[in-house]
Amino acid sequence: MASFNDTVIDTFRANDGVLGGHWEGKTTLLLHTPGRKSGKNFVNPLVAAPDGDSYLLCGSAGGAPGDPQWVANLEAVDGPVTIELGADTLQANHRVARPGRDADWERLYGLWRAYWPDAADYETKTDRKFPIAVITPLR
């Protein structure tokens, strides 16, 4: 049985990255990361707020008490990662900004929060501050 993410991934690929419903009009991308323990390739569909030549992904996990696994997997990657953006598969540089550590976290999170209206709801479910991944495609 296909998971929710599998269904979103299939729809993304069938429509060159265009999703309807809740994601209509928003940029999404597929982030490929190797599992830091298993080495297995994982693909995560994520809302991607544009920021210049980069995209901002939020490790909100819908307001869960801990970061989603893709954040730790991304932080463990040395070098570019693979993303799917629209119909293109690209390599991308990345970094993860965290509150209290990175001076630009507040600006980055503010951009993502303004882009994705559900963020306000996620914030009510936890006390943690969400990490922001900055993904910059290599073109």
N, C-alpha and C. Protein backbone atom coordinates (compact mmCIF):
# COMPACT_ATOMS: atom_id res chain seq x y z
N MET A 1 0.84 -1.19 0.00
CA MET A 1 0.00 0.00 0.00
C MET A 1 0.88 1.25 0.00
N ALA A 2 0.59 2.19 -0.87
CA ALA A 2 1.38 3.41 -1.00
C ALA A 2 1.14 4.33 0.19
N SER A 3 2.22 4.93 0.67
CA SER A 3 2.10 5.90 1.76
C SER A 3 1.61 7.23 1.20
N PHE A 4 1.25 8.14 2.09
CA PHE A 4 0.83 9.48 1.68
C PHE A 4 1.95 10.14 0.86
N ASN A 5 3.19 10.07 1.37
CA ASN A 5 4.31 10.68 0.64
C ASN A 5 4.50 10.05 -0.73
N ASP A 6 4.34 8.72 -0.83
CA ASP A 6 4.47 8.04 -2.13
C ASP A 6 3.46 8.58 -3.12
N THR A 7 2.24 8.81 -2.67
CA THR A 7 1.19 9.35 -3.54
C THR A 7 1.54 10.77 -4.00
N VAL A 8 2.04 11.60 -3.07
CA VAL A 8 2.44 12.96 -3.42
C VAL A 8 3.60 12.93 -4.42
N ILE A 9 4.57 12.06 -4.19
CA ILE A 9 5.72 11.93 -5.09
C ILE A 9 5.27 11.51 -6.48
N ASP A 10 4.39 10.53 -6.56
CA ASP A 10 3.88 10.08 -7.87
C ASP A 10 3.15 11.21 -8.60
N THR A 11 2.33 11.96 -7.87
CA THR A 11 1.60 13.08 -8.47
C THR A 11 2.57 14.16 -8.93
N PHE A 12 3.56 14.47 -8.11
CA PHE A 12 4.59 15.46 -8.45
C PHE A 12 5.26 15.08 -9.77
N ARG A 13 5.70 13.84 -9.86
CA ARG A 13 6.42 13.39 -11.07
C ARG A 13 5.52 13.32 -12.29
N ALA A 14 4.28 12.96 -12.11
CA ALA A 14 3.35 12.86 -13.24
C ALA A 14 2.96 14.23 -13.79
N ASN A 15 3.13 15.27 -12.98
CA ASN A 15 2.69 16.62 -13.36
C ASN A 15 3.84 17.63 -13.37
N ASP A 16 5.06 17.15 -13.59
CA ASP A 16 6.23 18.03 -13.66
C ASP A 16 6.33 18.97 -12.47
N GLY A 17 6.06 18.45 -11.30
CA GLY A 17 6.24 19.22 -10.07
C GLY A 17 5.06 20.07 -9.64
N VAL A 18 3.98 20.03 -10.40
CA VAL A 18 2.80 20.83 -10.06
C VAL A 18 1.85 19.98 -9.23
N LEU A 19 1.51 20.47 -8.05
CA LEU A 19 0.57 19.78 -7.18
C LEU A 19 -0.66 20.65 -6.99
N GLY A 20 -1.78 20.02 -6.83
CA GLY A 20 -3.02 20.75 -6.58
C GLY A 20 -3.40 20.65 -5.12
N GLY A 21 -4.67 20.87 -4.86
CA GLY A 21 -5.19 20.76 -3.51
C GLY A 21 -4.50 21.71 -2.56
N HIS A 22 -4.10 21.20 -1.43
CA HIS A 22 -3.50 22.00 -0.36
C HIS A 22 -2.23 22.72 -0.82
N TRP A 23 -1.51 22.15 -1.79
CA TRP A 23 -0.23 22.70 -2.26
C TRP A 23 -0.38 23.57 -3.50
N GLU A 24 -1.58 23.74 -3.99
CA GLU A 24 -1.78 24.50 -5.23
C GLU A 24 -1.17 25.90 -5.13
N GLY A 25 -0.39 26.25 -6.15
CA GLY A 25 0.23 27.56 -6.20
C GLY A 25 1.52 27.68 -5.40
N LYS A 26 1.91 26.63 -4.72
CA LYS A 26 3.13 26.66 -3.92
C LYS A 26 4.21 25.81 -4.60
N THR A 27 5.45 26.25 -4.48
CA THR A 27 6.56 25.47 -4.99
C THR A 27 6.82 24.32 -4.04
N THR A 28 7.00 23.15 -4.61
CA THR A 28 7.41 21.99 -3.83
C THR A 28 8.61 21.37 -4.54
N LEU A 29 9.40 20.66 -3.79
CA LEU A 29 10.49 19.92 -4.40
C LEU A 29 10.59 18.56 -3.73
N LEU A 30 11.28 17.66 -4.41
CA LEU A 30 11.56 16.35 -3.84
C LEU A 30 13.02 16.36 -3.43
N LEU A 31 13.27 16.14 -2.15
CA LEU A 31 14.61 16.11 -1.59
C LEU A 31 15.05 14.66 -1.43
N HIS A 32 16.18 14.33 -2.05
CA HIS A 32 16.76 12.99 -1.93
C HIS A 32 17.89 13.05 -0.90
N THR A 33 17.83 12.20 0.10
CA THR A 33 18.92 12.11 1.07
C THR A 33 19.20 10.65 1.39
N PRO A 34 20.46 10.31 1.56
CA PRO A 34 20.77 8.96 2.04
C PRO A 34 20.54 8.91 3.54
N GLY A 35 20.01 7.80 4.02
CA GLY A 35 19.86 7.64 5.46
C GLY A 35 21.23 7.63 6.11
N ARG A 36 21.39 8.37 7.17
CA ARG A 36 22.71 8.48 7.80
C ARG A 36 23.12 7.18 8.48
N LYS A 37 22.16 6.33 8.79
CA LYS A 37 22.47 5.03 9.41
C LYS A 37 22.34 3.90 8.39
N SER A 38 21.26 3.91 7.62
CA SER A 38 20.97 2.81 6.69
C SER A 38 21.65 2.95 5.34
N GLY A 39 21.93 4.19 4.92
CA GLY A 39 22.46 4.42 3.59
C GLY A 39 21.40 4.35 2.51
N LYS A 40 20.18 3.97 2.88
CA LYS A 40 19.06 3.87 1.94
C LYS A 40 18.69 5.27 1.45
N ASN A 41 18.33 5.38 0.17
CA ASN A 41 17.92 6.67 -0.38
C ASN A 41 16.47 6.97 0.02
N PHE A 42 16.27 8.14 0.59
CA PHE A 42 14.93 8.60 0.95
C PHE A 42 14.56 9.80 0.09
N VAL A 43 13.28 9.89 -0.27
CA VAL A 43 12.77 11.01 -1.05
C VAL A 43 11.63 11.63 -0.26
N ASN A 44 11.75 12.94 -0.01
CA ASN A 44 10.73 13.65 0.75
C ASN A 44 10.16 14.80 -0.05
N PRO A 45 8.83 14.85 -0.23
CA PRO A 45 8.20 16.01 -0.87
C PRO A 45 8.06 17.12 0.17
N LEU A 46 8.55 18.32 -0.19
CA LEU A 46 8.58 19.40 0.79
C LEU A 46 8.18 20.73 0.15
N VAL A 47 7.44 21.53 0.89
CA VAL A 47 7.12 22.89 0.47
C VAL A 47 8.43 23.67 0.44
N ALA A 48 8.66 24.40 -0.65
CA ALA A 48 9.93 25.08 -0.85
C ALA A 48 9.70 26.57 -1.12
N ALA A 49 9.91 27.38 -0.10
CA ALA A 49 9.72 28.83 -0.25
C ALA A 49 10.91 29.42 -1.00
N PRO A 50 10.66 30.10 -2.13
CA PRO A 50 11.76 30.72 -2.87
C PRO A 50 12.42 31.83 -2.06
N ASP A 51 13.77 31.90 -2.16
CA ASP A 51 14.55 32.96 -1.53
C ASP A 51 15.74 33.24 -2.45
N GLY A 52 15.56 34.15 -3.40
CA GLY A 52 16.61 34.40 -4.40
C GLY A 52 16.81 33.16 -5.26
N ASP A 53 18.04 32.68 -5.34
CA ASP A 53 18.36 31.47 -6.11
C ASP A 53 18.20 30.20 -5.30
N SER A 54 17.77 30.33 -4.05
CA SER A 54 17.64 29.19 -3.14
C SER A 54 16.18 28.91 -2.82
N TYR A 55 15.98 27.78 -2.14
CA TYR A 55 14.66 27.38 -1.65
C TYR A 55 14.80 27.03 -0.18
N LEU A 56 13.79 27.41 0.59
CA LEU A 56 13.79 27.17 2.03
C LEU A 56 12.83 26.04 2.36
N LEU A 57 13.34 25.05 3.06
CA LEU A 57 12.54 23.91 3.52
C LEU A 57 12.52 23.96 5.03
N CYS A 58 11.38 23.65 5.61
CA CYS A 58 11.25 23.74 7.06
C CYS A 58 11.11 22.35 7.67
N GLY A 59 11.89 22.10 8.70
CA GLY A 59 11.82 20.84 9.43
C GLY A 59 10.77 20.88 10.52
N SER A 60 9.55 21.19 10.14
CA SER A 60 8.46 21.34 11.12
C SER A 60 7.85 20.02 11.53
N ALA A 61 7.83 19.06 10.60
CA ALA A 61 7.13 17.78 10.84
C ALA A 61 5.71 18.03 11.32
N GLY A 62 5.10 19.09 10.78
CA GLY A 62 3.71 19.40 11.15
C GLY A 62 3.54 19.80 12.59
N GLY A 63 4.62 20.19 13.26
CA GLY A 63 4.54 20.58 14.66
C GLY A 63 4.86 19.45 15.63
N ALA A 64 5.40 18.35 15.12
CA ALA A 64 5.79 17.22 15.98
C ALA A 64 6.88 17.67 16.96
N PRO A 65 7.06 16.95 18.06
CA PRO A 65 8.03 17.38 19.07
C PRO A 65 9.49 17.29 18.63
N GLY A 66 9.80 16.52 17.59
CA GLY A 66 11.18 16.40 17.12
C GLY A 66 11.30 16.68 15.65
N ASP A 67 12.53 16.94 15.22
CA ASP A 67 12.78 17.18 13.81
C ASP A 67 12.45 15.94 12.98
N PRO A 68 12.01 16.14 11.74
CA PRO A 68 11.84 14.99 10.85
C PRO A 68 13.21 14.39 10.50
N GLN A 69 13.25 13.12 10.17
CA GLN A 69 14.50 12.43 9.89
C GLN A 69 15.28 13.04 8.74
N TRP A 70 14.56 13.63 7.77
CA TRP A 70 15.28 14.18 6.62
C TRP A 70 16.25 15.28 7.03
N VAL A 71 15.99 15.99 8.13
CA VAL A 71 16.88 17.06 8.58
C VAL A 71 18.23 16.48 9.01
N ALA A 72 18.20 15.49 9.87
CA ALA A 72 19.45 14.86 10.32
C ALA A 72 20.17 14.19 9.15
N ASN A 73 19.41 13.57 8.26
CA ASN A 73 20.03 12.94 7.09
C ASN A 73 20.72 14.00 6.23
N LEU A 74 20.06 15.15 6.03
CA LEU A 74 20.64 16.22 5.23
C LEU A 74 21.90 16.77 5.91
N GLU A 75 21.85 16.95 7.21
CA GLU A 75 23.01 17.48 7.94
C GLU A 75 24.20 16.53 7.86
N ALA A 76 23.96 15.25 7.65
CA ALA A 76 25.04 14.26 7.57
C ALA A 76 25.66 14.18 6.18
N VAL A 77 25.04 14.79 5.18
CA VAL A 77 25.54 14.72 3.81
C VAL A 77 26.69 15.71 3.63
N ASP A 78 27.80 15.20 3.12
CA ASP A 78 28.94 16.05 2.78
C ASP A 78 28.94 16.20 1.27
N GLY A 79 28.66 17.40 0.79
CA GLY A 79 28.58 17.63 -0.65
C GLY A 79 27.14 17.82 -1.09
N PRO A 80 26.94 17.98 -2.39
CA PRO A 80 25.60 18.27 -2.91
C PRO A 80 24.62 17.11 -2.70
N VAL A 81 23.34 17.47 -2.71
CA VAL A 81 22.25 16.49 -2.68
C VAL A 81 21.49 16.58 -3.99
N THR A 82 20.66 15.58 -4.23
CA THR A 82 19.80 15.57 -5.41
C THR A 82 18.43 16.11 -5.03
N ILE A 83 17.90 16.96 -5.89
CA ILE A 83 16.53 17.43 -5.74
C ILE A 83 15.81 17.26 -7.06
N GLU A 84 14.50 17.18 -6.99
CA GLU A 84 13.65 17.26 -8.17
C GLU A 84 12.86 18.54 -8.01
N LEU A 85 12.97 19.40 -9.01
CA LEU A 85 12.31 20.70 -9.00
C LEU A 85 11.62 20.84 -10.34
N GLY A 86 10.28 20.87 -10.33
CA GLY A 86 9.55 20.83 -11.59
C GLY A 86 9.86 19.52 -12.30
N ALA A 87 10.20 19.60 -13.58
CA ALA A 87 10.53 18.40 -14.35
C ALA A 87 12.02 18.07 -14.29
N ASP A 88 12.81 18.89 -13.59
CA ASP A 88 14.26 18.74 -13.58
C ASP A 88 14.76 17.99 -12.35
N THR A 89 15.79 17.19 -12.55
CA THR A 89 16.52 16.57 -11.45
C THR A 89 17.88 17.26 -11.42
N LEU A 90 18.21 17.84 -10.28
CA LEU A 90 19.39 18.69 -10.14
C LEU A 90 20.20 18.31 -8.91
N GLN A 91 21.44 18.73 -8.91
CA GLN A 91 22.27 18.69 -7.72
C GLN A 91 22.11 20.05 -7.02
N ALA A 92 22.24 20.05 -5.71
CA ALA A 92 22.06 21.28 -4.96
C ALA A 92 22.96 21.32 -3.74
N ASN A 93 23.50 22.51 -3.47
CA ASN A 93 24.20 22.74 -2.22
C ASN A 93 23.15 22.91 -1.13
N HIS A 94 23.58 22.73 0.11
CA HIS A 94 22.62 22.80 1.22
C HIS A 94 23.32 23.19 2.51
N ARG A 95 22.51 23.73 3.39
CA ARG A 95 22.91 23.94 4.78
C ARG A 95 21.64 23.98 5.59
N VAL A 96 21.76 23.71 6.87
CA VAL A 96 20.62 23.77 7.77
C VAL A 96 20.87 24.90 8.78
N ALA A 97 19.95 25.85 8.83
CA ALA A 97 20.02 26.96 9.78
C ALA A 97 19.17 26.61 11.00
N ARG A 98 19.76 26.86 12.16
CA ARG A 98 19.06 26.57 13.42
C ARG A 98 19.01 27.82 14.29
N PRO A 99 17.89 27.97 15.04
CA PRO A 99 17.78 29.12 15.94
C PRO A 99 18.85 29.06 17.02
N GLY A 100 19.37 30.24 17.38
CA GLY A 100 20.38 30.29 18.42
C GLY A 100 21.78 29.98 17.93
N ARG A 101 21.89 29.45 16.72
CA ARG A 101 23.20 29.12 16.16
C ARG A 101 23.51 29.97 14.93
N ASP A 102 22.51 30.15 14.09
CA ASP A 102 22.70 30.84 12.81
C ASP A 102 22.00 32.19 12.83
N ALA A 103 22.78 33.24 12.56
CA ALA A 103 22.27 34.61 12.65
C ALA A 103 21.11 34.87 11.70
N ASP A 104 21.04 34.14 10.59
CA ASP A 104 19.98 34.41 9.61
C ASP A 104 18.75 33.51 9.79
N TRP A 105 18.72 32.69 10.85
CA TRP A 105 17.58 31.79 11.03
C TRP A 105 16.26 32.55 11.09
N GLU A 106 16.20 33.63 11.85
CA GLU A 106 14.93 34.36 12.01
C GLU A 106 14.41 34.86 10.66
N ARG A 107 15.28 35.42 9.84
CA ARG A 107 14.87 35.90 8.52
C ARG A 107 14.39 34.74 7.65
N LEU A 108 15.15 33.65 7.65
CA LEU A 108 14.79 32.49 6.83
C LEU A 108 13.46 31.89 7.28
N TYR A 109 13.31 31.70 8.58
CA TYR A 109 12.06 31.13 9.08
C TYR A 109 10.89 32.07 8.79
N GLY A 110 11.11 33.36 8.93
CA GLY A 110 10.05 34.33 8.63
C GLY A 110 9.58 34.24 7.19
N LEU A 111 10.51 34.06 6.26
CA LEU A 111 10.14 33.90 4.84
C LEU A 111 9.32 32.63 4.64
N TRP A 112 9.79 31.52 5.24
CA TRP A 112 9.07 30.26 5.07
C TRP A 112 7.69 30.36 5.73
N ARG A 113 7.62 30.94 6.91
CA ARG A 113 6.35 31.06 7.64
C ARG A 113 5.35 31.88 6.83
N ALA A 114 5.81 32.95 6.20
CA ALA A 114 4.92 33.79 5.39
C ALA A 114 4.47 33.05 4.14
N TYR A 115 5.29 32.16 3.63
CA TYR A 115 4.98 31.41 2.41
C TYR A 115 3.98 30.28 2.67
N TRP A 116 4.10 29.63 3.83
CA TRP A 116 3.28 28.46 4.13
C TRP A 116 2.35 28.76 5.31
N PRO A 117 1.09 29.04 5.03
CA PRO A 117 0.15 29.47 6.08
C PRO A 117 -0.03 28.47 7.23
N ASP A 118 0.21 27.19 6.99
CA ASP A 118 0.05 26.19 8.05
C ASP A 118 1.09 26.33 9.16
N ALA A 119 2.14 27.10 8.92
CA ALA A 119 3.21 27.25 9.91
C ALA A 119 2.67 27.74 11.25
N ALA A 120 1.73 28.67 11.22
CA ALA A 120 1.19 29.21 12.48
C ALA A 120 0.54 28.10 13.30
N ASP A 121 -0.14 27.17 12.63
CA ASP A 121 -0.74 26.03 13.33
C ASP A 121 0.33 25.11 13.89
N TYR A 122 1.37 24.84 13.11
CA TYR A 122 2.46 23.95 13.57
C TYR A 122 3.08 24.49 14.85
N GLU A 123 3.24 25.81 14.93
CA GLU A 123 3.86 26.44 16.09
C GLU A 123 3.06 26.21 17.38
N THR A 124 1.76 26.05 17.26
CA THR A 124 0.93 25.85 18.45
C THR A 124 1.07 24.44 19.03
N LYS A 125 1.66 23.53 18.29
CA LYS A 125 1.75 22.12 18.70
C LYS A 125 3.03 21.77 19.43
N THR A 126 4.00 22.69 19.47
CA THR A 126 5.29 22.37 20.07
C THR A 126 5.98 23.65 20.53
N ASP A 127 6.94 23.49 21.44
CA ASP A 127 7.75 24.62 21.88
C ASP A 127 9.03 24.74 21.07
N ARG A 128 9.34 23.74 20.26
CA ARG A 128 10.62 23.79 19.54
C ARG A 128 10.57 24.77 18.38
N LYS A 129 11.72 25.29 18.06
CA LYS A 129 11.88 26.16 16.89
C LYS A 129 12.36 25.28 15.75
N PHE A 130 11.77 25.45 14.58
CA PHE A 130 12.02 24.55 13.46
C PHE A 130 13.29 24.93 12.68
N PRO A 131 14.11 23.93 12.34
CA PRO A 131 15.27 24.21 11.50
C PRO A 131 14.82 24.53 10.07
N ILE A 132 15.63 25.32 9.39
CA ILE A 132 15.36 25.68 8.00
C ILE A 132 16.52 25.21 7.14
N ALA A 133 16.21 24.40 6.13
CA ALA A 133 17.23 23.97 5.17
C ALA A 133 17.24 24.96 4.01
N VAL A 134 18.42 25.42 3.66
CA VAL A 134 18.60 26.30 2.51
C VAL A 134 19.17 25.44 1.39
N ILE A 135 18.40 25.31 0.32
CA ILE A 135 18.76 24.45 -0.81
C ILE A 135 19.04 25.35 -2.01
N THR A 136 20.24 25.26 -2.55
CA THR A 136 20.63 26.10 -3.68
C THR A 136 21.00 25.23 -4.87
N PRO A 137 20.12 25.14 -5.87
CA PRO A 137 20.41 24.30 -7.05
C PRO A 137 21.69 24.75 -7.76
N LEU A 138 22.43 23.76 -8.22
CA LEU A 138 23.62 24.01 -9.05
C LEU A 138 23.16 23.95 -10.48
N ARG A 139 23.16 25.06 -11.17
CA ARG A 139 22.65 25.09 -12.55
C ARG A 139 23.76 25.42 -13.51
